Amino acid sequence: MRINGPNNRSKISSPRSAGKKRQSSSASSASNAQVQVADATALREKAQVMLADMPEVRMERIEEIRSALEKGEYKADSAKIAAHIIANALSERSW
């Protein structure tokens, strides 16, 4: 049962009409599920292309940085990091 409006008590929808709405919404959710599957497939394909374009991980460099961080000896160039962040953001956006 649904009451439409705070002061309008005469507009109460019957449980039967609410049941009909559920049936139509279930058909709508089925079409949404198909769209989500298609989106997931496209996303997976895009991720595979991006992964293929990524350079190899240099584990020895990662260990050097990890060690320096643990010792408190790691020095980061904030200007260089900012430049790379901006360059990456601009390259990802389609203008």
Protein backbone atom coordinates (compact mmCIF):
# COMPACT_ATOMS: atom_id res chain seq x y z
CA MET A 1 0.00 0.00 0.00
CA ARG A 2 1.28 3.45 -0.88
CA ILE A 3 0.07 6.88 0.27
CA ASN A 4 0.70 9.70 -2.18
CA GLY A 5 1.17 13.05 -0.47
CA PRO A 6 1.28 14.04 3.20
CA ASN A 7 -2.31 15.39 3.47
CA ASN A 8 -4.06 13.53 0.66
CA ARG A 9 -5.35 10.30 2.17
CA SER A 10 -7.74 9.52 -0.66
CA LYS A 11 -4.90 8.58 -3.03
CA ILE A 12 -3.92 5.20 -1.66
CA SER A 13 -2.79 2.68 -4.24
CA SER A 14 -4.01 -0.86 -3.86
CA PRO A 15 -1.66 -3.78 -3.27
CA ARG A 16 -2.70 -5.19 -6.66
CA SER A 17 -1.36 -2.21 -8.58
CA ALA A 18 1.83 -2.33 -6.53
CA GLY A 19 2.27 -5.96 -7.60
CA LYS A 20 1.97 -4.95 -11.25
CA LYS A 21 4.70 -2.38 -10.75
CA ARG A 22 6.97 -5.08 -9.35
CA GLN A 23 6.51 -7.22 -12.44
CA SER A 24 7.42 -4.39 -14.79
CA SER A 25 10.41 -3.42 -12.65
CA SER A 26 11.68 -7.01 -12.71
CA ALA A 27 11.66 -6.92 -16.52
CA SER A 28 13.52 -3.63 -16.34
CA SER A 29 16.11 -5.09 -13.96
CA ALA A 30 16.66 -7.99 -16.39
CA SER A 31 17.56 -5.54 -19.15
CA ASN A 32 19.82 -3.68 -16.69
CA ALA A 33 21.59 -6.96 -15.95
CA GLN A 34 22.33 -7.40 -19.64
CA VAL A 35 23.76 -3.89 -19.81
CA GLN A 36 25.94 -4.55 -16.77
CA VAL A 37 27.32 -7.74 -18.33
CA ALA A 38 28.16 -5.88 -21.53
CA ASP A 39 29.81 -3.12 -19.49
CA ALA A 40 31.82 -5.69 -17.54
CA THR A 41 33.00 -7.32 -20.76
CA ALA A 42 34.06 -3.99 -22.24
CA LEU A 43 35.80 -3.06 -19.00
CA ARG A 44 37.67 -6.38 -18.90
CA GLU A 45 38.82 -5.93 -22.52
CA LYS A 46 40.00 -2.39 -21.78
CA ALA A 47 41.88 -3.61 -18.69
CA GLN A 48 43.62 -6.31 -20.74
CA VAL A 49 44.75 -3.74 -23.32
CA MET A 50 46.01 -1.43 -20.57
CA LEU A 51 47.81 -4.29 -18.85
CA ALA A 52 49.56 -5.25 -22.09
CA ASP A 53 50.77 -1.64 -22.46
CA MET A 54 52.21 -1.45 -18.94
CA PRO A 55 55.94 -1.78 -18.48
CA GLU A 56 57.35 -4.71 -16.56
CA VAL A 57 57.60 -4.36 -12.80
CA ARG A 58 61.17 -3.91 -11.63
CA MET A 59 61.17 -5.81 -8.36
CA GLU A 60 64.71 -4.80 -7.48
CA ARG A 61 63.75 -1.11 -7.72
CA ILE A 62 60.67 -1.73 -5.58
CA GLU A 63 62.82 -3.41 -2.92
CA GLU A 64 65.28 -0.48 -2.97
CA ILE A 65 62.47 2.01 -2.41
CA ARG A 66 60.87 -0.17 0.29
CA SER A 67 64.17 -0.43 2.12
CA ALA A 68 64.78 3.33 1.91
CA LEU A 69 61.27 4.00 3.22
CA GLU A 70 61.79 1.67 6.18
CA LYS A 71 65.08 3.38 7.03
CA GLY A 72 63.58 6.86 6.57
CA GLU A 73 66.09 7.64 3.82
CA TYR A 74 63.73 7.93 0.84
CA LYS A 75 63.67 11.38 -0.72
CA ALA A 76 60.92 12.15 -3.23
CA ASP A 77 61.01 15.00 -5.75
CA SER A 78 57.55 16.51 -5.31
CA ALA A 79 57.78 18.64 -8.46
CA LYS A 80 58.63 15.59 -10.56
CA ILE A 81 55.79 13.58 -9.00
CA ALA A 82 53.32 16.41 -9.62
CA ALA A 83 54.44 16.70 -13.25
CA HIS A 84 53.90 12.98 -13.80
CA ILE A 85 50.46 13.07 -12.16
CA ILE A 86 49.39 15.95 -14.40
CA ALA A 87 50.83 14.32 -17.53
CA ASN A 88 49.02 11.05 -16.77
CA ALA A 89 45.74 12.83 -16.09
CA LEU A 90 45.96 14.81 -19.33
CA SER A 91 46.83 11.74 -21.39
CA GLU A 92 43.86 9.77 -20.02
CA ARG A 93 41.27 12.45 -20.73
CA SER A 94 39.87 12.67 -24.24
CA TRP A 95 39.62 16.32 -25.11
